[in-house]
PDB file of N, CA and C in Angstrom:
ATOM      1  N   MET A   1      86.331 108.681 119.971  1.00  0.00           N
ATOM      2  CA  MET A   1      87.220 109.259 119.744  1.00  0.00           C
ATOM      3  C   MET A   1      88.320 109.763 120.891  1.00  0.00           C
ATOM      4  N   THR A   2      89.499 110.244 120.748  1.00  0.00           N
ATOM      5  CA  THR A   2      90.614 110.242 122.008  1.00  0.00           C
ATOM      6  C   THR A   2      90.632 111.325 122.262  1.00  0.00           C
ATOM      7  N   ALA A   3      91.394 111.248 123.328  1.00  0.00           N
ATOM      8  CA  ALA A   3      91.132 112.246 124.606  1.00  0.00           C
ATOM      9  C   ALA A   3      91.345 113.752 123.704  1.00  0.00           C
ATOM     10  N   ASP A   4      91.760 113.557 122.917  1.00  0.00           N
ATOM     11  CA  ASP A   4      91.940 115.360 121.704  1.00  0.00           C
ATOM     12  C   ASP A   4      91.173 115.640 120.175  1.00  0.00           C
ATOM     13  N   SER A   5      90.052 114.463 120.790  1.00  0.00           N
ATOM     14  CA  SER A   5      88.652 114.633 119.769  1.00  0.00           C
ATOM     15  C   SER A   5      89.058 114.665 118.185  1.00  0.00           C
ATOM     16  N   THR A   6      90.657 114.433 117.981  1.00  0.00           N
ATOM     17  CA  THR A   6      90.760 114.721 116.777  1.00  0.00           C
ATOM     18  C   THR A   6      90.772 113.350 115.577  1.00  0.00           C
ATOM     19  N   VAL A   7      91.627 112.257 116.719  1.00  0.00           N
ATOM     20  CA  VAL A   7      91.716 110.621 116.421  1.00  0.00           C
ATOM     21  C   VAL A   7      90.693 110.028 116.281  1.00  0.00           C
ATOM     22  N   PRO A   8      90.078 109.696 115.676  1.00  0.00           N
ATOM     23  CA  PRO A   8      88.898 108.205 116.117  1.00  0.00           C
ATOM     24  C   PRO A   8      89.964 107.346 116.373  1.00  0.00           C
ATOM     25  N   GLU A   9      89.049 106.652 117.510  1.00  0.00           N
ATOM     26  CA  GLU A   9      90.139 105.116 117.900  1.00  0.00           C
ATOM     27  C   GLU A   9      89.409 104.360 116.925  1.00  0.00           C
ATOM     28  N   ALA A  10      91.049 103.077 116.911  1.00  0.00           N
ATOM     29  CA  ALA A  10      90.522 101.709 115.934  1.00  0.00           C
ATOM     30  C   ALA A  10      89.320 101.142 116.311  1.00  0.00           C
ATOM     31  N   ASP A  11      88.517 100.799 115.242  1.00  0.00           N
ATOM     32  CA  ASP A  11      87.210  99.822 115.814  1.00  0.00           C
ATOM     33  C   ASP A  11      87.471  98.564 114.926  1.00  0.00           C
ATOM     34  N   PRO A  12      87.560  97.653 116.420  1.00  0.00           N
ATOM     35  CA  PRO A  12      88.273  96.294 116.325  1.00  0.00           C
ATOM     36  C   PRO A  12      86.976  95.268 115.518  1.00  0.00           C
ATOM     37  N   THR A  13      85.868  95.360 115.236  1.00  0.00           N
ATOM     38  CA  THR A  13      85.130  95.179 113.969  1.00  0.00           C
ATOM     39  C   THR A  13      85.450  95.740 112.803  1.00  0.00           C
ATOM     40  N   LEU A  14      85.833  96.094 112.248  1.00  0.00           N
ATOM     41  CA  LEU A  14      86.344  96.988 111.230  1.00  0.00           C
ATOM     42  C   LEU A  14      87.771  96.360 110.536  1.00  0.00           C
ATOM     43  N   PHE A  15      88.498  96.217 111.547  1.00  0.00           N
ATOM     44  CA  PHE A  15      89.799  95.224 111.523  1.00  0.00           C
ATOM     45  C   PHE A  15      89.287  93.643 111.366  1.00  0.00           C
ATOM     46  N   ALA A  16      88.584  93.425 112.129  1.00  0.00           N
ATOM     47  CA  ALA A  16      88.322  91.685 111.267  1.00  0.00           C
ATOM     48  C   ALA A  16      87.727  91.505 110.611  1.00  0.00           C
ATOM     49  N   ALA A  17      86.549  92.927 109.476  1.00  0.00           N
ATOM     50  CA  ALA A  17      86.570  92.644 108.893  1.00  0.00           C
ATOM     51  C   ALA A  17      87.274  92.983 107.504  1.00  0.00           C
ATOM     52  N   ALA A  18      88.389  94.101 107.913  1.00  0.00           N
ATOM     53  CA  ALA A  18      88.953  93.778 106.809  1.00  0.00           C
ATOM     54  C   ALA A  18      89.993  92.485 106.907  1.00  0.00           C
ATOM     55  N   GLU A  19      90.896  91.634 107.754  1.00  0.00           N
ATOM     56  CA  GLU A  19      90.981  90.863 107.956  1.00  0.00           C
ATOM     57  C   GLU A  19      90.494  89.982 107.097  1.00  0.00           C
ATOM     58  N   ALA A  20      89.765  89.968 107.145  1.00  0.00           N
ATOM     59  CA  ALA A  20      88.256  88.651 106.212  1.00  0.00           C
ATOM     60  C   ALA A  20      88.155  88.736 104.953  1.00  0.00           C
ATOM     61  N   TRP A  21      88.137  90.300 104.769  1.00  0.00           N
ATOM     62  CA  TRP A  21      88.416  90.397 103.538  1.00  0.00           C
ATOM     63  C   TRP A  21      89.620  89.896 102.536  1.00  0.00           C
ATOM     64  N   LEU A  22      90.133  90.145 103.621  1.00  0.00           N
ATOM     65  CA  LEU A  22      92.132  90.014 102.866  1.00  0.00           C
ATOM     66  C   LEU A  22      92.398  88.808 103.225  1.00  0.00           C
ATOM     67  N   ALA A  23      91.746  87.719 103.692  1.00  0.00           N
ATOM     68  CA  ALA A  23      92.255  85.867 103.770  1.00  0.00           C
ATOM     69  C   ALA A  23      91.151  86.067 102.642  1.00  0.00           C
ATOM     70  N   ASP A  24      90.180  86.669 102.305  1.00  0.00           N
ATOM     71  CA  ASP A  24      89.295  85.982 100.894  1.00  0.00           C
ATOM     72  C   ASP A  24      89.763  86.387 100.105  1.00  0.00           C
ATOM     73  N   ASP A  25      90.227  87.754  99.583  1.00  0.00           N
ATOM     74  CA  ASP A  25      90.663  88.021  98.342  1.00  0.00           C
ATOM     75  C   ASP A  25      91.539  87.753  97.131  1.00  0.00           C
ATOM     76  N   PRO A  26      90.541  87.379  95.954  1.00  0.00           N
ATOM     77  CA  PRO A  26      91.752  86.222  95.752  1.00  0.00           C
ATOM     78  C   PRO A  26      92.685  86.733  94.443  1.00  0.00           C
ATOM     79  N   ASP A  27      92.612  88.500  94.764  1.00  0.00           N
ATOM     80  CA  ASP A  27      93.164  89.346  93.646  1.00  0.00           C
ATOM     81  C   ASP A  27      94.640  89.862  94.378  1.00  0.00           C
ATOM     82  N   ALA A  28      96.002  89.313  93.638  1.00  0.00           N
ATOM     83  CA  ALA A  28      97.457  89.232  94.677  1.00  0.00           C
ATOM     84  C   ALA A  28      97.725  91.421  94.716  1.00  0.00           C
ATOM     85  N   SER A  29      97.026  91.888  93.663  1.00  0.00           N
ATOM     86  CA  SER A  29      97.372  93.809  93.871  1.00  0.00           C
ATOM     87  C   SER A  29      96.734  94.399  95.047  1.00  0.00           C
ATOM     88  N   THR A  30      95.036  93.839  94.924  1.00  0.00           N
ATOM     89  CA  THR A  30      94.459  94.260  96.180  1.00  0.00           C
ATOM     90  C   THR A  30      94.961  94.084  97.421  1.00  0.00           C
ATOM     91  N   ARG A  31      95.356  92.522  97.809  1.00  0.00           N
ATOM     92  CA  ARG A  31      95.590  91.839  98.420  1.00  0.00           C
ATOM     93  C   ARG A  31      96.825  93.077  99.538  1.00  0.00           C
ATOM     94  N   ALA A  32      97.620  93.049  98.821  1.00  0.00           N
ATOM     95  CA  ALA A  32      98.120  93.893  98.647  1.00  0.00           C
ATOM     96  C   ALA A  32      98.286  95.233  99.645  1.00  0.00           C
ATOM     97  N   GLU A  33      97.430  96.269  98.503  1.00  0.00           N
ATOM     98  CA  GLU A  33      96.977  96.921  98.912  1.00  0.00           C
ATOM     99  C   GLU A  33      96.343  97.420  99.765  1.00  0.00           C
ATOM    100  N   LEU A  34      95.653  96.233 100.490  1.00  0.00           N
ATOM    101  CA  LEU A  34      94.698  95.969 101.955  1.00  0.00           C
ATOM    102  C   LEU A  34      96.039  95.688 103.267  1.00  0.00           C
ATOM    103  N   ALA A  35      96.513  94.628 102.766  1.00  0.00           N
ATOM    104  CA  ALA A  35      97.991  94.353 104.028  1.00  0.00           C
ATOM    105  C   ALA A  35      98.359  95.753 104.048  1.00  0.00           C
ATOM    106  N   ALA A  36      98.969  96.819 103.450  1.00  0.00           N
ATOM    107  CA  ALA A  36      99.620  97.739 103.952  1.00  0.00           C
ATOM    108  C   ALA A  36      98.658  99.099 104.267  1.00  0.00           C
ATOM    109  N   VAL A  37      97.397  99.131 103.863  1.00  0.00           N
ATOM    110  CA  VAL A  37      96.637  99.741 104.585  1.00  0.00           C
ATOM    111  C   VAL A  37      96.231  99.278 106.022  1.00  0.00           C
ATOM    112  N   LEU A  38      96.339  98.355 106.286  1.00  0.00           N
ATOM    113  CA  LEU A  38      96.245  97.877 107.532  1.00  0.00           C
ATOM    114  C   LEU A  38      97.468  97.789 107.990  1.00  0.00           C
ATOM    115  N   GLU A  39      98.099  97.352 108.132  1.00  0.00           N
ATOM    116  CA  GLU A  39      99.753  97.921 108.701  1.00  0.00           C
ATOM    117  C   GLU A  39      99.894  99.238 108.835  1.00  0.00           C
ATOM    118  N   ALA A  40      99.565 100.468 107.590  1.00  0.00           N
ATOM    119  CA  ALA A  40      99.370 101.034 108.427  1.00  0.00           C
ATOM    120  C   ALA A  40      98.593 101.930 109.796  1.00  0.00           C
ATOM    121  N   ALA A  41      97.465 101.019 109.433  1.00  0.00           N
ATOM    122  CA  ALA A  41      96.825 102.007 110.038  1.00  0.00           C
ATOM    123  C   ALA A  41      97.354 101.558 111.777  1.00  0.00           C
ATOM    124  N   ARG A  42      97.705  99.860 111.470  1.00  0.00           N
ATOM    125  CA  ARG A  42      97.892  99.473 112.565  1.00  0.00           C
ATOM    126  C   ARG A  42      99.227 100.117 113.689  1.00  0.00           C
ATOM    127  N   SER A  43     100.327 100.623 112.574  1.00  0.00           N
ATOM    128  CA  SER A  43     101.842 101.118 113.029  1.00  0.00           C
ATOM    129  C   SER A  43     101.337 103.044 113.624  1.00  0.00           C
ATOM    130  N   GLY A  44     100.102 103.591 112.990  1.00  0.00           N
ATOM    131  CA  GLY A  44      99.869 104.672 113.561  1.00  0.00           C
ATOM    132  C   GLY A  44     100.202 105.731 112.389  1.00  0.00           C
ATOM    133  N   MET A  45     100.744 105.099 111.425  1.00  0.00           N
ATOM    134  CA  MET A  45     101.225 105.905 110.029  1.00  0.00           C
ATOM    135  C   MET A  45      99.988 107.121 109.738  1.00  0.00           C
ATOM    136  N   VAL A  46      98.909 106.359 109.092  1.00  0.00           N
ATOM    137  CA  VAL A  46      97.627 106.638 109.301  1.00  0.00           C
ATOM    138  C   VAL A  46      97.787 108.623 109.789  1.00  0.00           C
ATOM    139  N   VAL A  47      97.348 108.308 111.080  1.00  0.00           N
ATOM    140  CA  VAL A  47      97.459 109.386 112.185  1.00  0.00           C
ATOM    141  C   VAL A  47      98.292 110.287 111.988  1.00  0.00           C
ATOM    142  N   LEU A  48      99.666 109.893 111.809  1.00  0.00           N
ATOM    143  CA  LEU A  48     100.862 110.713 111.840  1.00  0.00           C
ATOM    144  C   LEU A  48     100.792 111.555 110.122  1.00  0.00           C
ATOM    145  N   ALA A  49     100.259 110.688 109.003  1.00  0.00           N
ATOM    146  CA  ALA A  49     100.756 111.564 107.725  1.00  0.00           C
ATOM    147  C   ALA A  49      99.579 112.308 107.940  1.00  0.00           C
ATOM    148  N   MET A  50      98.257 112.425 108.779  1.00  0.00           N
ATOM    149  CA  MET A  50      96.809 113.259 108.870  1.00  0.00           C
ATOM    150  C   MET A  50      97.617 114.323 109.779  1.00  0.00           C
ATOM    151  N   ARG A  51      98.089 114.016 110.720  1.00  0.00           N
ATOM    152  CA  ARG A  51      98.251 115.461 111.552  1.00  0.00           C
ATOM    153  C   ARG A  51      99.440 115.658 110.581  1.00  0.00           C
ATOM    154  N   ARG A  52     100.400 115.419 109.954  1.00  0.00           N
ATOM    155  CA  ARG A  52     101.162 116.472 109.186  1.00  0.00           C
ATOM    156  C   ARG A  52     100.330 117.453 107.993  1.00  0.00           C
ATOM    157  N   ARG A  53      98.982 116.803 107.606  1.00  0.00           N
ATOM    158  CA  ARG A  53      98.664 117.445 106.934  1.00  0.00           C
ATOM    159  C   ARG A  53      97.552 118.455 106.956  1.00  0.00           C
ATOM    160  N   GLY A  54      97.746 118.835 108.618  1.00  0.00           N
ATOM    161  CA  GLY A  54      97.483 119.514 109.166  1.00  0.00           C
ATOM    162  C   GLY A  54      95.559 118.971 109.890  1.00  0.00           C
ATOM    163  N   CYS A  55      95.057 117.978 109.392  1.00  0.00           N
ATOM    164  CA  CYS A  55      94.079 117.231 110.017  1.00  0.00           C
ATOM    165  C   CYS A  55      93.812 117.397 111.281  1.00  0.00           C
ATOM    166  N   GLY A  56      92.876 118.346 112.214  1.00  0.00           N
ATOM    167  CA  GLY A  56      92.510 118.270 113.032  1.00  0.00           C
ATOM    168  C   GLY A  56      92.648 119.744 113.548  1.00  0.00           C
ATOM    169  N   ARG A  57      92.905 120.815 112.636  1.00  0.00           N
ATOM    170  CA  ARG A  57      93.565 121.361 113.190  1.00  0.00           C
ATOM    171  C   ARG A  57      92.187 123.190 113.272  1.00  0.00           C
TER     172      ARG A  57
END
């Protein structure tokens, strides 16, 4: 967990697994969805969205 204990730190193993899945996924739709999720996770947008929704209060 991070210092404020409300947002878990990124797990490099999880990102590596998601990237491997993305590389092997034959379905363009799910590839696009996973790519968007990975981008959001890397950019911090997921954390921002969770905080806006009051998570961790």
